[in-house]
Amino acid sequence: MMQNSQNPISLSPIRESSALLGDPGALRARFEEEGYLYLKGLLPKAKVQVLQAQIFDICKRKHWFSGDAASFESVEPCVVPAVEGEVEYFSVYDEVQRLEAFHALPHEPALMAVMGILLDETAFPHPLSICRLMFPNNAETTTPPHQDFPNNQGTTELYACWMPLSDCPVNLGGLAFMPGSHKHGLLPLQFSLGAGNRQAVLPDALQEKPWVTGDYQQGDVLIFHSLMLHRALDNQTNRMRVSVDYRYQSVRDPLTVGCLKPHFQRESWTRIYEGWASSQLQFYWEKLPLKFVEWTDKYHQLPEGHLEAALGQTIRYNKRRAKLAEQLKTGDAPD
C-alpha cells in the first residue's frame, strides 16, 4: 500500500497489459472492463528522448534550471513553481507548442495500431496536444481526480494517451486510475487549484474504491477512457515531472471545434508550423470527414458558494509561493 501525501489514499499496483497486444479481442475486453491500459515500453525510448531533450533545452534557456543542469532527471528547478495561465509558464509552454516532435509523437505507428484496435480503422489523434510541466514543492496544484470528457466533449468514446518523458517513479507524481470508474457516468465538479481548476466529486459508491499506479518508465504509455477517473500524485521529489498527453477518437464520432486548436489557443497553427522540417502532419485533420457538435459550459458548472473556497485556496497558495520566492532570493532552504 502506498499513500499520496496531500490527500491520503490507498494505492495498489497498476495492471500491465502489453501481453495482450497480440490478441485484439482480449485487449478491447480489458479496456472495456477496467477503462485503462498500461502498455510498458510501447514506444522506442529514443523517440521520447528527443522530445524530452528539446523541452529541457527550452526550460534551461528560460532559466528554470541552472547553467550546468544536464536533464530533468538530475536537477531541481531554480525558480518558484510556475503555474498554467501565468506569464512565466507560457514563456516556456509557447515554445513547447512549436516543437515538431511534440506534435509528431501521437502519430507513432505503435500508438496508432493500438488506437485502431480500441476504436476502429478511422482512429485519429486530435491536433490539440498537451504537455504538463509539474514542479516539485507545489502539491497544491497537483492534478486532482477528474474525467476528461467535460474538457473535450463531442463523444465519450474519446481515449487519452499519457506518457512520461522520463522515468517516473511513484514519488515523482505519475498518474493513478480508479479501475472501472468509467462505468459510473459523468460526475459533478468542484473547484481545484490543479490543471483545469476543476475536480470530480466522487459519489459514496466510489469513495472507498482503490486507485492504481506504478513506477512508469520512459517509453511506457497509459491509455484511458474519457469518463475514467484519474489523478496525478504529488511530486515528492526535488525534480520536475514532465509528461505529454494526446487524445484519439474515431472519425465516425463527433467532436468539438476546440479539439482542433492548439492547447490554450495562444498561437495559430501557421505560427506553430514555422520551421518544421516536414509538412506531412500539418493540417492533417482537414482531409478527414469530420462532424461537429457544439461545446457547452454546462459540464463545467460549479456549485453555488464555490467562489469563496476558490479565493481562499488561491490566496493561501500565493502567500506560500511568495515566501518560497523570498527564500530562494536569500538562499534559505525552503520550509
Protein backbone atom coordinates (compact mmCIF):
# COMPACT_ATOMS: atom_id res chain seq x y z
CA MET A 1 0.00 0.00 0.00
CA MET A 2 1.21 3.50 -0.86
CA GLN A 3 -0.07 6.91 0.11
CA ASN A 4 -0.41 10.25 -1.66
CA SER A 5 0.95 12.87 0.74
CA GLN A 6 -1.58 15.70 0.36
CA ASN A 7 -4.74 13.64 0.09
CA PRO A 8 -4.07 10.26 1.73
CA ILE A 9 -5.43 7.47 -0.43
CA SER A 10 -4.64 3.80 -0.72
CA LEU A 11 -2.70 2.94 -3.87
CA SER A 12 -2.28 -0.50 -5.39
CA PRO A 13 -0.01 -1.71 -8.23
CA ILE A 14 -1.28 -0.96 -11.72
CA ARG A 15 -2.08 -3.85 -14.06
CA GLU A 16 0.14 -4.14 -17.13
CA SER A 17 -1.45 -5.17 -20.46
CA SER A 18 1.38 -5.43 -23.01
CA ALA A 19 0.97 -9.20 -23.19
CA LEU A 20 -2.45 -8.67 -24.82
CA LEU A 21 -1.17 -6.65 -27.78
CA GLY A 22 -1.21 -9.78 -29.92
CA ASP A 23 -4.85 -10.52 -29.02
CA PRO A 24 -7.08 -7.59 -30.12
CA GLY A 25 -10.24 -9.09 -28.63
CA ALA A 26 -8.65 -9.56 -25.22
CA LEU A 27 -7.12 -6.08 -25.35
CA ARG A 28 -10.50 -4.49 -26.07
CA ALA A 29 -12.17 -6.56 -23.35
CA ARG A 30 -9.56 -5.44 -20.77
CA PHE A 31 -10.06 -1.81 -21.76
CA GLU A 32 -13.85 -2.05 -21.67
CA GLU A 33 -13.75 -3.65 -18.22
CA GLU A 34 -11.13 -1.51 -16.48
CA GLY A 35 -11.22 1.71 -18.53
CA TYR A 36 -7.46 1.92 -18.98
CA LEU A 37 -4.45 0.08 -20.44
CA TYR A 38 -0.87 0.26 -19.18
CA LEU A 39 1.45 -0.66 -22.06
CA LYS A 40 5.02 -0.92 -20.88
CA GLY A 41 7.72 0.07 -23.37
CA LEU A 42 5.28 0.62 -26.25
CA LEU A 43 7.33 3.46 -27.72
CA PRO A 44 11.04 3.49 -28.56
CA LYS A 45 12.92 5.39 -25.85
CA ALA A 46 14.95 7.22 -28.49
CA LYS A 47 11.81 8.89 -29.87
CA VAL A 48 10.74 10.05 -26.42
CA GLN A 49 14.25 11.20 -25.51
CA VAL A 50 14.36 13.56 -28.48
CA LEU A 51 11.28 15.42 -27.27
CA GLN A 52 12.41 15.36 -23.65
CA ALA A 53 15.75 16.94 -24.57
CA GLN A 54 14.11 19.65 -26.66
CA ILE A 55 11.74 20.62 -23.84
CA PHE A 56 14.57 20.63 -21.31
CA ASP A 57 16.61 22.93 -23.54
CA ILE A 58 13.71 25.40 -23.62
CA CYS A 59 13.35 25.31 -19.82
CA LYS A 60 17.07 25.82 -19.34
CA ARG A 61 17.21 28.71 -21.81
CA LYS A 62 14.36 30.36 -19.88
CA HIS A 63 16.42 29.97 -16.66
CA TRP A 64 14.23 27.38 -15.00
CA PHE A 65 17.44 25.40 -14.41
CA SER A 66 20.98 26.43 -13.59
CA GLY A 67 23.62 26.72 -16.30
CA ASP A 68 25.28 23.37 -15.53
CA ALA A 69 22.00 21.43 -15.46
CA ALA A 70 22.03 18.38 -17.74
CA SER A 71 18.49 16.93 -17.71
CA PHE A 72 15.17 16.79 -15.87
CA GLU A 73 16.34 13.63 -14.07
CA SER A 74 19.39 15.16 -12.45
CA VAL A 75 18.48 18.64 -11.23
CA GLU A 76 15.81 20.65 -9.48
CA PRO A 77 14.36 23.90 -10.91
CA CYS A 78 15.89 27.12 -9.59
CA VAL A 79 12.69 29.19 -9.86
CA VAL A 80 9.44 29.42 -7.94
CA PRO A 81 6.91 26.89 -9.32
CA ALA A 82 5.30 28.28 -12.47
CA VAL A 83 1.60 27.63 -12.98
CA GLU A 84 -0.52 27.23 -16.10
CA GLY A 85 -2.00 30.57 -17.10
CA GLU A 86 0.89 32.68 -15.81
CA VAL A 87 3.39 34.63 -17.93
CA GLU A 88 6.37 32.66 -16.60
CA TYR A 89 4.72 29.37 -17.52
CA PHE A 90 3.76 30.49 -21.01
CA SER A 91 7.29 31.75 -21.68
CA VAL A 92 8.24 28.07 -21.83
CA TYR A 93 4.98 26.47 -22.88
CA ASP A 94 4.52 28.54 -26.05
CA GLU A 95 7.86 27.26 -27.32
CA VAL A 96 6.97 23.67 -26.42
CA GLN A 97 3.85 24.04 -28.56
CA ARG A 98 6.02 24.89 -31.56
CA LEU A 99 8.06 21.68 -31.39
CA GLU A 100 7.52 19.38 -34.35
CA ALA A 101 8.48 16.33 -32.27
CA PHE A 102 5.77 17.21 -29.74
CA HIS A 103 3.02 17.05 -32.35
CA ALA A 104 4.52 14.10 -34.25
CA LEU A 105 4.68 11.71 -31.28
CA PRO A 106 0.92 10.84 -31.21
CA HIS A 107 1.22 9.62 -34.81
CA GLU A 108 3.78 6.93 -33.93
CA PRO A 109 2.77 3.64 -35.64
CA ALA A 110 2.72 1.68 -32.37
CA LEU A 111 0.23 4.13 -30.86
CA MET A 112 -1.92 4.30 -33.97
CA ALA A 113 -2.08 0.49 -34.12
CA VAL A 114 -3.42 0.26 -30.55
CA MET A 115 -5.97 3.00 -31.16
CA GLY A 116 -7.09 1.22 -34.30
CA ILE A 117 -7.83 -1.83 -32.15
CA LEU A 118 -9.66 0.09 -29.40
CA LEU A 119 -11.61 2.40 -31.71
CA ASP A 120 -11.63 1.43 -35.39
CA GLU A 121 -9.57 1.83 -38.54
CA THR A 122 -10.50 5.53 -38.75
CA ALA A 123 -8.94 6.39 -35.37
CA PHE A 124 -7.01 9.66 -35.39
CA PRO A 125 -5.33 11.91 -32.79
CA HIS A 126 -6.66 15.35 -32.06
CA PRO A 127 -4.13 18.02 -33.03
CA LEU A 128 -4.65 19.54 -29.57
CA SER A 129 -1.55 18.25 -27.77
CA ILE A 130 -0.82 18.84 -24.08
CA CYS A 131 2.41 18.96 -22.10
CA ARG A 132 2.49 19.06 -18.29
CA LEU A 133 5.44 20.71 -16.52
CA MET A 134 4.93 19.74 -12.87
CA PHE A 135 7.23 21.43 -10.37
CA PRO A 136 8.31 19.97 -7.05
CA ASN A 137 7.23 21.70 -3.82
CA ASN A 138 3.91 22.51 -5.47
CA ALA A 139 1.42 19.96 -4.16
CA GLU A 140 -1.47 22.45 -4.15
CA THR A 141 -1.61 22.29 -7.95
CA THR A 142 -1.38 18.51 -8.27
CA THR A 143 -3.99 17.49 -10.85
CA PRO A 144 -7.00 16.24 -8.83
CA PRO A 145 -9.39 13.38 -9.62
CA HIS A 146 -11.25 14.23 -12.80
CA GLN A 147 -12.69 12.97 -16.08
CA ASP A 148 -11.60 14.26 -19.48
CA PHE A 149 -14.99 14.40 -21.19
CA PRO A 150 -16.08 17.83 -19.80
CA ASN A 151 -12.97 19.42 -21.33
CA ASN A 152 -13.21 17.86 -24.80
CA GLN A 153 -16.84 16.74 -25.16
CA GLY A 154 -18.02 15.55 -28.57
CA THR A 155 -18.03 11.81 -27.86
CA THR A 156 -17.46 9.82 -24.69
CA GLU A 157 -15.56 7.31 -26.85
CA LEU A 158 -12.56 9.61 -26.70
CA TYR A 159 -9.41 7.93 -25.43
CA ALA A 160 -6.45 9.72 -23.88
CA CYS A 161 -2.85 8.64 -24.14
CA TRP A 162 -0.48 9.78 -21.36
CA MET A 163 3.25 9.18 -21.22
CA PRO A 164 6.11 10.44 -19.04
CA LEU A 165 9.06 11.88 -20.93
CA SER A 166 11.49 10.43 -18.38
CA ASP A 167 11.29 7.61 -15.85
CA CYS A 168 8.51 8.44 -13.41
CA PRO A 169 8.56 6.58 -10.08
CA VAL A 170 5.52 6.96 -7.88
CA ASN A 171 7.10 9.72 -5.77
CA LEU A 172 7.64 11.87 -8.89
CA GLY A 173 3.88 12.20 -9.25
CA GLY A 174 2.64 9.97 -12.07
CA LEU A 175 -0.96 9.10 -12.90
CA ALA A 176 -3.29 6.98 -10.80
CA PHE A 177 -6.56 5.42 -12.01
CA MET A 178 -9.72 4.06 -10.43
CA PRO A 179 -10.40 0.90 -12.45
CA GLY A 180 -13.95 0.57 -13.72
CA SER A 181 -14.93 4.11 -12.71
CA HIS A 182 -15.76 4.99 -16.33
CA LYS A 183 -18.95 2.95 -15.91
CA HIS A 184 -20.36 5.42 -13.35
CA GLY A 185 -21.16 8.17 -15.85
CA LEU A 186 -20.34 11.86 -15.72
CA LEU A 187 -19.68 13.22 -12.22
CA PRO A 188 -20.34 16.72 -10.77
CA LEU A 189 -17.46 19.14 -10.23
CA GLN A 190 -15.95 21.39 -7.61
CA PHE A 191 -13.08 23.92 -7.67
CA SER A 192 -9.42 22.89 -7.59
CA LEU A 193 -6.12 24.73 -7.99
CA GLY A 194 -4.89 21.89 -10.22
CA ALA A 195 -4.94 21.79 -14.02
CA GLY A 196 -8.31 22.90 -15.36
CA ASN A 197 -9.39 24.30 -11.94
CA ARG A 198 -11.95 21.52 -11.62
CA GLN A 199 -12.12 18.19 -9.83
CA ALA A 200 -14.73 15.48 -9.82
CA VAL A 201 -16.95 14.98 -6.78
CA LEU A 202 -16.89 11.26 -6.03
CA PRO A 203 -20.19 9.63 -5.05
CA ASP A 204 -20.31 7.38 -1.99
CA ALA A 205 -20.06 4.30 -4.21
CA LEU A 206 -16.58 5.39 -5.33
CA GLN A 207 -15.21 6.88 -2.12
CA GLU A 208 -13.55 3.68 -0.94
CA LYS A 209 -12.61 2.28 -4.34
CA PRO A 210 -8.87 1.62 -4.83
CA TRP A 211 -6.56 3.66 -7.04
CA VAL A 212 -3.79 2.02 -9.03
CA THR A 213 -0.43 3.42 -10.09
CA GLY A 214 3.14 2.34 -10.72
CA ASP A 215 6.75 3.25 -11.39
CA TYR A 216 6.49 4.28 -15.04
CA GLN A 217 9.44 4.34 -17.38
CA GLN A 218 10.36 6.29 -20.48
CA GLY A 219 8.54 4.67 -23.42
CA ASP A 220 5.59 3.49 -21.31
CA VAL A 221 2.10 4.50 -22.43
CA LEU A 222 -1.18 4.73 -20.49
CA ILE A 223 -4.45 4.85 -22.45
CA PHE A 224 -7.79 5.59 -20.77
CA HIS A 225 -11.46 6.34 -21.44
CA SER A 226 -12.81 9.92 -21.30
CA LEU A 227 -15.01 9.03 -18.29
CA MET A 228 -12.21 7.26 -16.41
CA LEU A 229 -11.41 8.84 -13.05
CA HIS A 230 -7.73 9.66 -12.96
CA ARG A 231 -5.45 11.93 -10.97
CA ALA A 232 -1.82 12.87 -10.61
CA LEU A 233 0.04 12.06 -7.41
CA ASP A 234 2.08 14.65 -5.55
CA ASN A 235 5.59 15.26 -6.81
CA GLN A 236 7.50 14.49 -3.60
CA THR A 237 10.96 14.78 -5.16
CA ASN A 238 13.15 17.78 -5.92
CA ARG A 239 12.84 17.21 -9.69
CA MET A 240 10.30 18.28 -12.30
CA ARG A 241 7.85 15.75 -13.74
CA VAL A 242 7.28 16.27 -17.48
CA SER A 243 4.63 14.36 -19.39
CA VAL A 244 2.54 14.64 -22.53
CA ASP A 245 -0.99 13.59 -23.32
CA TYR A 246 -2.90 13.19 -26.55
CA ARG A 247 -6.49 12.25 -27.37
CA TYR A 248 -7.88 9.93 -30.03
CA GLN A 249 -11.29 9.16 -31.47
CA SER A 250 -12.98 7.60 -34.48
CA VAL A 251 -13.79 9.78 -37.49
CA ARG A 252 -17.29 8.31 -37.22
CA ASP A 253 -17.92 10.11 -33.90
CA PRO A 254 -18.50 13.87 -33.49
CA LEU A 255 -16.08 16.30 -31.87
CA THR A 256 -15.99 19.94 -30.84
CA VAL A 257 -14.07 22.57 -32.80
CA GLY A 258 -11.78 23.31 -29.84
CA CYS A 259 -10.20 19.87 -30.18
CA LEU A 260 -8.64 21.03 -33.45
CA LYS A 261 -6.97 24.09 -31.94
CA PRO A 262 -3.62 24.42 -30.15
CA HIS A 263 -3.69 23.99 -26.38
CA PHE A 264 -4.61 27.33 -24.74
CA GLN A 265 -5.16 28.75 -28.27
CA ARG A 266 -2.41 31.33 -27.85
CA GLU A 267 -0.93 30.94 -31.34
CA SER A 268 -2.15 29.91 -34.78
CA TRP A 269 -1.18 26.62 -36.40
CA THR A 270 0.59 28.63 -39.11
CA ARG A 271 2.83 30.20 -36.47
CA ILE A 272 3.41 26.84 -34.79
CA TYR A 273 4.40 25.21 -38.08
CA GLU A 274 7.10 27.77 -38.85
CA GLY A 275 10.46 25.99 -39.13
CA TRP A 276 9.09 22.44 -39.26
CA ALA A 277 11.15 20.04 -41.36
CA SER A 278 8.09 18.32 -42.83
CA SER A 279 4.61 19.41 -43.88
CA GLN A 280 3.19 15.87 -43.71
CA LEU A 281 1.36 16.38 -40.39
CA GLN A 282 0.36 19.98 -40.93
CA PHE A 283 -3.44 20.44 -41.00
CA TYR A 284 -3.82 16.66 -41.45
CA TRP A 285 -7.33 16.73 -39.96
CA GLU A 286 -8.62 18.89 -42.81
CA LYS A 287 -8.53 15.79 -45.01
CA LEU A 288 -10.83 13.86 -42.66
CA PRO A 289 -14.65 13.71 -42.96
CA LEU A 290 -15.25 15.19 -39.52
CA LYS A 291 -18.61 16.11 -37.98
CA PHE A 292 -19.03 18.57 -35.16
CA VAL A 293 -21.21 19.32 -32.15
CA GLU A 294 -21.31 22.48 -30.06
CA TRP A 295 -19.17 22.71 -26.92
CA THR A 296 -21.23 23.55 -23.83
CA ASP A 297 -20.20 25.01 -20.48
CA LYS A 298 -22.88 23.04 -18.62
CA TYR A 299 -20.32 20.30 -17.93
CA HIS A 300 -18.04 22.86 -16.23
CA GLN A 301 -20.57 24.43 -13.88
CA LEU A 302 -19.54 24.64 -10.23
CA PRO A 303 -21.82 24.53 -7.17
CA GLU A 304 -23.04 27.72 -5.52
CA GLY A 305 -20.64 29.11 -2.96
CA HIS A 306 -17.53 27.76 -4.68
CA LEU A 307 -16.01 31.22 -5.23
CA GLU A 308 -15.25 31.81 -1.56
CA ALA A 309 -13.46 28.46 -1.25
CA ALA A 310 -11.60 29.05 -4.53
CA LEU A 311 -10.45 32.50 -3.41
CA GLY A 312 -9.26 31.18 -0.06
CA GLN A 313 -7.23 28.39 -1.67
CA THR A 314 -5.68 30.81 -4.16
CA ILE A 315 -4.69 33.36 -1.51
CA ARG A 316 -3.05 30.70 0.70
CA TYR A 317 -1.18 29.25 -2.26
CA ASN A 318 0.09 32.63 -3.47
CA LYS A 319 1.29 33.52 0.03
CA ARG A 320 3.28 30.29 0.21
CA ARG A 321 4.82 30.93 -3.23
CA ALA A 322 5.78 34.46 -2.21
CA LYS A 323 7.53 33.06 0.84
CA LEU A 324 9.30 30.49 -1.32
CA ALA A 325 10.44 33.23 -3.71
CA GLU A 326 11.96 35.15 -0.80
CA GLN A 327 13.74 32.02 0.45
CA LEU A 328 15.21 31.40 -2.99
CA LYS A 329 16.38 35.02 -3.14
CA THR A 330 18.13 34.85 0.24
CA GLY A 331 19.45 31.33 -0.23
CA ASP A 332 17.49 29.88 2.69
CA ALA A 333 16.25 26.30 2.46
CA PRO A 334 12.52 26.09 1.69
CA ASP A 335 10.27 25.14 4.61
